[in-house]
Amino acid sequence: QVQLVESGGGLVQAGDSLTLSCAASGRTFLVYAVGWFRQAPGKEREFVARMRWSGAGPDYADLVRGRFTISRDNAKNTVNLKMNSLKPEDTAIYYCAATNGYYGSSSRNYPYWGQGTQVTVSS
């Protein structure tokens, strides 16, 4: 199967930038698309960003569009989420996830998940 490991979370101040990474291993040939989701305390898990494994078709949630950028690194097995102009409301556990044939924003259609990384943005 596919294993996903997030890294790069931490504590930053409002307005700062932070880059999260999602390293994929195992049978990565199964991956069709990768996405980022986040969940804040007391809130439902929400879609943040997604892209096809090829790098085509990036898409973003309205709340992060223009501030966040999803991309692949040179290793081709890692997906990054560059977060600029961070706000306190961005505070959440961020998860990376992958699909094997679905391209959309519904978390229930993502069979592969990482364990999450905490992002905390102070005022």
N, C-alpha and C. Protein backbone atom coordinates (compact mmCIF):
# COMPACT_ATOMS: atom_id res chain seq x y z
N GLN A 1 0.84 -1.19 0.00
CA GLN A 1 0.00 0.00 0.00
C GLN A 1 0.87 1.24 0.00
N VAL A 2 0.25 2.39 0.30
CA VAL A 2 0.93 3.67 0.29
C VAL A 2 1.02 4.20 1.71
N GLN A 3 2.20 4.62 2.10
CA GLN A 3 2.41 5.26 3.39
C GLN A 3 2.69 6.74 3.18
N LEU A 4 2.11 7.57 4.04
CA LEU A 4 2.27 9.01 3.96
C LEU A 4 2.72 9.54 5.31
N VAL A 5 3.73 10.40 5.30
CA VAL A 5 4.26 10.98 6.53
C VAL A 5 4.38 12.48 6.35
N GLU A 6 3.67 13.23 7.20
CA GLU A 6 3.73 14.68 7.16
C GLU A 6 4.86 15.19 8.06
N SER A 7 5.39 16.34 7.71
CA SER A 7 6.39 17.00 8.53
C SER A 7 6.34 18.50 8.25
N GLY A 8 6.96 19.28 9.11
CA GLY A 8 7.08 20.70 8.89
C GLY A 8 6.18 21.57 9.74
N GLY A 9 5.31 20.96 10.53
CA GLY A 9 4.43 21.74 11.38
C GLY A 9 5.20 22.42 12.50
N GLY A 10 4.53 23.36 13.15
CA GLY A 10 5.16 24.07 14.25
C GLY A 10 4.36 25.27 14.67
N LEU A 11 4.97 26.08 15.52
CA LEU A 11 4.35 27.29 16.05
C LEU A 11 4.95 28.50 15.35
N VAL A 12 4.09 29.31 14.75
CA VAL A 12 4.52 30.53 14.07
C VAL A 12 3.60 31.68 14.44
N GLN A 13 4.03 32.88 14.10
CA GLN A 13 3.22 34.06 14.34
C GLN A 13 2.39 34.41 13.12
N ALA A 14 1.30 35.10 13.33
CA ALA A 14 0.46 35.54 12.23
C ALA A 14 1.28 36.33 11.22
N GLY A 15 1.07 36.03 9.95
CA GLY A 15 1.80 36.67 8.88
C GLY A 15 3.02 35.89 8.42
N ASP A 16 3.44 34.93 9.21
CA ASP A 16 4.61 34.12 8.85
C ASP A 16 4.27 33.10 7.77
N SER A 17 5.30 32.46 7.25
CA SER A 17 5.16 31.40 6.27
C SER A 17 5.65 30.09 6.84
N LEU A 18 5.11 29.00 6.34
CA LEU A 18 5.49 27.68 6.78
C LEU A 18 5.24 26.70 5.64
N THR A 19 6.12 25.74 5.48
CA THR A 19 5.97 24.74 4.44
C THR A 19 5.84 23.35 5.06
N LEU A 20 4.77 22.67 4.71
CA LEU A 20 4.55 21.30 5.14
C LEU A 20 4.97 20.36 4.02
N SER A 21 5.47 19.19 4.40
CA SER A 21 5.86 18.19 3.43
C SER A 21 5.14 16.89 3.70
N CYS A 22 4.83 16.18 2.64
CA CYS A 22 4.18 14.88 2.73
C CYS A 22 4.99 13.89 1.91
N ALA A 23 5.70 13.01 2.60
CA ALA A 23 6.54 12.03 1.94
C ALA A 23 5.75 10.74 1.70
N ALA A 24 5.73 10.29 0.47
CA ALA A 24 5.02 9.08 0.11
C ALA A 24 6.01 7.94 -0.10
N SER A 25 5.64 6.76 0.36
CA SER A 25 6.47 5.59 0.18
C SER A 25 5.58 4.38 -0.06
N GLY A 26 6.20 3.25 -0.31
CA GLY A 26 5.44 2.05 -0.62
C GLY A 26 5.10 2.00 -2.09
N ARG A 27 3.88 1.59 -2.39
CA ARG A 27 3.44 1.45 -3.77
C ARG A 27 2.91 2.78 -4.30
N THR A 28 3.83 3.72 -4.48
CA THR A 28 3.43 5.06 -4.91
C THR A 28 2.89 5.09 -6.33
N PHE A 29 3.10 4.03 -7.09
CA PHE A 29 2.53 3.98 -8.43
C PHE A 29 1.01 3.93 -8.40
N LEU A 30 0.45 3.60 -7.24
CA LEU A 30 -1.00 3.57 -7.08
C LEU A 30 -1.60 4.96 -6.93
N VAL A 31 -0.79 5.95 -6.61
CA VAL A 31 -1.30 7.28 -6.30
C VAL A 31 -1.74 8.02 -7.56
N TYR A 32 -2.96 8.51 -7.54
CA TYR A 32 -3.49 9.30 -8.64
C TYR A 32 -3.54 10.78 -8.29
N ALA A 33 -3.88 11.08 -7.05
CA ALA A 33 -3.95 12.45 -6.60
C ALA A 33 -3.57 12.52 -5.14
N VAL A 34 -3.15 13.69 -4.71
CA VAL A 34 -2.79 13.92 -3.32
C VAL A 34 -3.47 15.20 -2.85
N GLY A 35 -3.84 15.22 -1.59
CA GLY A 35 -4.51 16.39 -1.06
C GLY A 35 -4.09 16.68 0.37
N TRP A 36 -4.38 17.89 0.78
CA TRP A 36 -4.18 18.32 2.16
C TRP A 36 -5.52 18.64 2.78
N PHE A 37 -5.72 18.18 4.00
CA PHE A 37 -6.91 18.47 4.78
C PHE A 37 -6.46 18.96 6.15
N ARG A 38 -7.36 19.64 6.85
CA ARG A 38 -7.02 20.11 8.18
C ARG A 38 -8.24 20.00 9.09
N GLN A 39 -7.96 19.88 10.38
CA GLN A 39 -9.02 19.79 11.35
C GLN A 39 -8.64 20.59 12.59
N ALA A 40 -9.45 21.58 12.89
CA ALA A 40 -9.26 22.39 14.08
C ALA A 40 -10.11 21.82 15.22
N PRO A 41 -9.76 22.12 16.46
CA PRO A 41 -10.55 21.61 17.60
C PRO A 41 -12.01 22.00 17.49
N GLY A 42 -12.89 21.03 17.63
CA GLY A 42 -14.32 21.28 17.58
C GLY A 42 -14.88 21.50 16.20
N LYS A 43 -14.05 21.35 15.17
CA LYS A 43 -14.49 21.57 13.80
C LYS A 43 -14.39 20.28 12.99
N GLU A 44 -15.13 20.25 11.89
CA GLU A 44 -15.04 19.13 10.97
C GLU A 44 -13.76 19.21 10.16
N ARG A 45 -13.28 18.05 9.72
CA ARG A 45 -12.13 18.05 8.83
C ARG A 45 -12.52 18.72 7.52
N GLU A 46 -11.67 19.61 7.03
CA GLU A 46 -11.98 20.35 5.83
C GLU A 46 -10.88 20.24 4.79
N PHE A 47 -11.29 20.35 3.56
CA PHE A 47 -10.38 20.32 2.43
C PHE A 47 -9.55 21.59 2.39
N VAL A 48 -8.27 21.44 2.04
CA VAL A 48 -7.37 22.57 1.93
C VAL A 48 -6.85 22.74 0.50
N ALA A 49 -6.25 21.68 -0.04
CA ALA A 49 -5.66 21.76 -1.37
C ALA A 49 -5.52 20.37 -1.95
N ARG A 50 -5.46 20.27 -3.26
CA ARG A 50 -5.27 18.99 -3.92
C ARG A 50 -4.62 19.17 -5.27
N MET A 51 -4.05 18.10 -5.78
CA MET A 51 -3.44 18.09 -7.10
C MET A 51 -3.29 16.65 -7.56
N ARG A 52 -3.25 16.46 -8.86
CA ARG A 52 -2.94 15.15 -9.38
C ARG A 52 -1.47 14.85 -9.12
N TRP A 53 -1.14 13.57 -9.00
CA TRP A 53 0.23 13.16 -8.72
C TRP A 53 1.18 13.67 -9.79
N SER A 54 0.68 13.82 -10.99
CA SER A 54 1.47 14.35 -12.09
C SER A 54 1.81 15.82 -11.90
N GLY A 55 1.09 16.49 -11.01
CA GLY A 55 1.26 17.91 -10.79
C GLY A 55 0.21 18.76 -11.46
N ALA A 56 -0.65 18.14 -12.24
CA ALA A 56 -1.68 18.87 -12.95
C ALA A 56 -2.88 19.14 -12.06
N GLY A 57 -3.65 20.14 -12.42
CA GLY A 57 -4.93 20.44 -11.82
C GLY A 57 -4.95 20.82 -10.36
N PRO A 58 -4.05 21.68 -9.89
CA PRO A 58 -4.12 22.08 -8.48
C PRO A 58 -5.41 22.83 -8.17
N ASP A 59 -5.93 22.61 -6.98
CA ASP A 59 -7.15 23.26 -6.56
C ASP A 59 -7.04 23.58 -5.07
N TYR A 60 -7.78 24.62 -4.66
CA TYR A 60 -7.67 25.10 -3.28
C TYR A 60 -9.02 25.45 -2.71
N ALA A 61 -9.12 25.34 -1.40
CA ALA A 61 -10.29 25.84 -0.71
C ALA A 61 -10.29 27.36 -0.76
N ASP A 62 -11.49 27.95 -0.75
CA ASP A 62 -11.60 29.39 -0.85
C ASP A 62 -10.83 30.12 0.25
N LEU A 63 -10.80 29.54 1.43
CA LEU A 63 -10.17 30.19 2.57
C LEU A 63 -8.65 30.28 2.46
N VAL A 64 -8.05 29.46 1.59
CA VAL A 64 -6.60 29.46 1.48
C VAL A 64 -6.10 29.85 0.10
N ARG A 65 -7.00 29.95 -0.86
CA ARG A 65 -6.60 30.28 -2.22
C ARG A 65 -5.90 31.63 -2.26
N GLY A 66 -4.74 31.66 -2.91
CA GLY A 66 -3.95 32.88 -2.98
C GLY A 66 -2.89 32.96 -1.90
N ARG A 67 -3.03 32.16 -0.85
CA ARG A 67 -2.05 32.14 0.23
C ARG A 67 -1.25 30.84 0.28
N PHE A 68 -1.90 29.73 -0.07
CA PHE A 68 -1.27 28.41 -0.02
C PHE A 68 -0.96 27.93 -1.43
N THR A 69 0.11 27.15 -1.55
CA THR A 69 0.49 26.57 -2.82
C THR A 69 0.88 25.11 -2.63
N ILE A 70 0.27 24.23 -3.40
CA ILE A 70 0.61 22.82 -3.36
C ILE A 70 1.54 22.51 -4.52
N SER A 71 2.56 21.71 -4.28
CA SER A 71 3.54 21.41 -5.31
C SER A 71 4.28 20.13 -4.98
N ARG A 72 5.04 19.64 -5.93
CA ARG A 72 5.90 18.48 -5.74
C ARG A 72 7.35 18.93 -5.71
N ASP A 73 8.18 18.23 -4.93
CA ASP A 73 9.59 18.56 -4.91
C ASP A 73 10.35 17.73 -5.94
N ASN A 74 11.65 17.95 -6.00
CA ASN A 74 12.46 17.30 -7.02
C ASN A 74 12.56 15.79 -6.84
N ALA A 75 12.31 15.30 -5.65
CA ALA A 75 12.38 13.86 -5.39
C ALA A 75 11.20 13.11 -6.00
N LYS A 76 10.15 13.84 -6.34
CA LYS A 76 8.97 13.30 -7.02
C LYS A 76 8.11 12.38 -6.16
N ASN A 77 8.51 12.17 -4.92
CA ASN A 77 7.69 11.37 -4.02
C ASN A 77 7.26 12.16 -2.80
N THR A 78 7.43 13.48 -2.86
CA THR A 78 7.06 14.35 -1.77
C THR A 78 6.22 15.51 -2.29
N VAL A 79 5.12 15.79 -1.61
CA VAL A 79 4.25 16.90 -1.95
C VAL A 79 4.34 17.94 -0.84
N ASN A 80 4.50 19.18 -1.23
CA ASN A 80 4.63 20.27 -0.27
C ASN A 80 3.40 21.15 -0.27
N LEU A 81 3.17 21.77 0.87
CA LEU A 81 2.14 22.79 0.99
C LEU A 81 2.81 24.03 1.55
N LYS A 82 3.03 25.01 0.67
CA LYS A 82 3.62 26.27 1.08
C LYS A 82 2.51 27.19 1.56
N MET A 83 2.60 27.62 2.81
CA MET A 83 1.58 28.43 3.43
C MET A 83 2.16 29.81 3.73
N ASN A 84 1.59 30.82 3.11
CA ASN A 84 2.01 32.20 3.32
C ASN A 84 0.92 32.97 4.05
N SER A 85 1.32 34.08 4.66
CA SER A 85 0.38 34.97 5.34
C SER A 85 -0.54 34.21 6.28
N LEU A 86 0.05 33.40 7.12
CA LEU A 86 -0.73 32.55 8.01
C LEU A 86 -1.55 33.37 9.00
N LYS A 87 -2.73 32.87 9.29
CA LYS A 87 -3.66 33.51 10.20
C LYS A 87 -3.96 32.57 11.37
N PRO A 88 -4.37 33.11 12.50
CA PRO A 88 -4.72 32.24 13.63
C PRO A 88 -5.76 31.19 13.27
N GLU A 89 -6.68 31.52 12.38
CA GLU A 89 -7.71 30.57 11.98
C GLU A 89 -7.17 29.42 11.13
N ASP A 90 -5.90 29.49 10.74
CA ASP A 90 -5.26 28.38 10.04
C ASP A 90 -4.77 27.32 11.01
N THR A 91 -4.85 27.60 12.30
CA THR A 91 -4.40 26.64 13.31
C THR A 91 -5.22 25.36 13.23
N ALA A 92 -4.54 24.24 13.07
CA ALA A 92 -5.22 22.95 12.92
C ALA A 92 -4.18 21.85 12.80
N ILE A 93 -4.65 20.62 12.86
CA ILE A 93 -3.81 19.50 12.48
C ILE A 93 -3.98 19.31 10.98
N TYR A 94 -2.87 19.29 10.28
CA TYR A 94 -2.89 19.16 8.83
C TYR A 94 -2.54 17.74 8.43
N TYR A 95 -3.36 17.16 7.57
CA TYR A 95 -3.18 15.79 7.10
C TYR A 95 -2.95 15.78 5.60
N CYS A 96 -2.05 14.93 5.15
CA CYS A 96 -1.96 14.66 3.73
C CYS A 96 -2.66 13.35 3.44
N ALA A 97 -3.22 13.24 2.25
CA ALA A 97 -3.96 12.06 1.85
C ALA A 97 -3.79 11.85 0.36
N ALA A 98 -4.05 10.63 -0.09
CA ALA A 98 -3.88 10.30 -1.49
C ALA A 98 -5.01 9.40 -1.97
N THR A 99 -5.26 9.45 -3.27
CA THR A 99 -6.27 8.60 -3.89
C THR A 99 -5.63 7.71 -4.92
N ASN A 100 -6.38 6.71 -5.38
CA ASN A 100 -5.92 5.82 -6.43
C ASN A 100 -6.82 5.87 -7.65
N GLY A 101 -7.52 6.99 -7.84
CA GLY A 101 -8.37 7.13 -9.01
C GLY A 101 -9.44 8.19 -8.89
N TYR A 102 -9.43 8.92 -7.78
CA TYR A 102 -10.41 9.95 -7.52
C TYR A 102 -9.72 11.30 -7.49
N TYR A 103 -10.37 12.30 -8.07
CA TYR A 103 -9.86 13.66 -7.98
C TYR A 103 -10.99 14.56 -7.55
N GLY A 104 -11.00 14.91 -6.29
CA GLY A 104 -12.03 15.75 -5.73
C GLY A 104 -11.67 16.17 -4.33
N SER A 105 -12.65 16.73 -3.63
CA SER A 105 -12.40 17.33 -2.32
C SER A 105 -13.00 16.54 -1.16
N SER A 106 -13.61 15.41 -1.43
CA SER A 106 -14.27 14.63 -0.39
C SER A 106 -13.27 13.70 0.28
N SER A 107 -13.06 13.90 1.57
CA SER A 107 -12.08 13.12 2.31
C SER A 107 -12.40 11.63 2.34
N ARG A 108 -13.68 11.28 2.26
CA ARG A 108 -14.07 9.88 2.34
C ARG A 108 -13.60 9.08 1.13
N ASN A 109 -13.21 9.74 0.07
CA ASN A 109 -12.73 9.08 -1.13
C ASN A 109 -11.21 9.03 -1.21
N TYR A 110 -10.54 9.39 -0.13
CA TYR A 110 -9.09 9.29 -0.04
C TYR A 110 -8.73 8.10 0.84
N PRO A 111 -8.23 7.02 0.25
CA PRO A 111 -7.96 5.81 1.05
C PRO A 111 -6.64 5.84 1.83
N TYR A 112 -5.71 6.70 1.44
CA TYR A 112 -4.40 6.75 2.10
C TYR A 112 -4.26 8.04 2.88
N TRP A 113 -3.83 7.90 4.13
CA TRP A 113 -3.73 9.06 5.03
C TRP A 113 -2.45 9.03 5.86
N GLY A 114 -1.90 10.21 6.13
CA GLY A 114 -0.84 10.36 7.09
C GLY A 114 -1.41 10.56 8.47
N GLN A 115 -0.54 10.71 9.46
CA GLN A 115 -0.98 10.86 10.84
C GLN A 115 -1.18 12.31 11.26
N GLY A 116 -0.78 13.24 10.44
CA GLY A 116 -1.03 14.64 10.71
C GLY A 116 0.15 15.36 11.34
N THR A 117 0.18 16.66 11.15
CA THR A 117 1.19 17.51 11.77
C THR A 117 0.51 18.79 12.25
N GLN A 118 0.87 19.22 13.45
CA GLN A 118 0.21 20.37 14.07
C GLN A 118 0.78 21.68 13.56
N VAL A 119 -0.11 22.58 13.17
CA VAL A 119 0.26 23.94 12.81
C VAL A 119 -0.48 24.88 13.75
N THR A 120 0.27 25.70 14.47
CA THR A 120 -0.31 26.66 15.40
C THR A 120 0.15 28.05 15.03
N VAL A 121 -0.80 28.95 14.81
CA VAL A 121 -0.50 30.32 14.42
C VAL A 121 -0.98 31.25 15.53
N SER A 122 -0.06 31.95 16.15
CA SER A 122 -0.39 32.87 17.23
C SER A 122 -0.68 34.25 16.68
N SER A 123 -1.43 35.04 17.46
CA SER A 123 -1.79 36.39 17.05
C SER A 123 -0.61 37.33 17.13
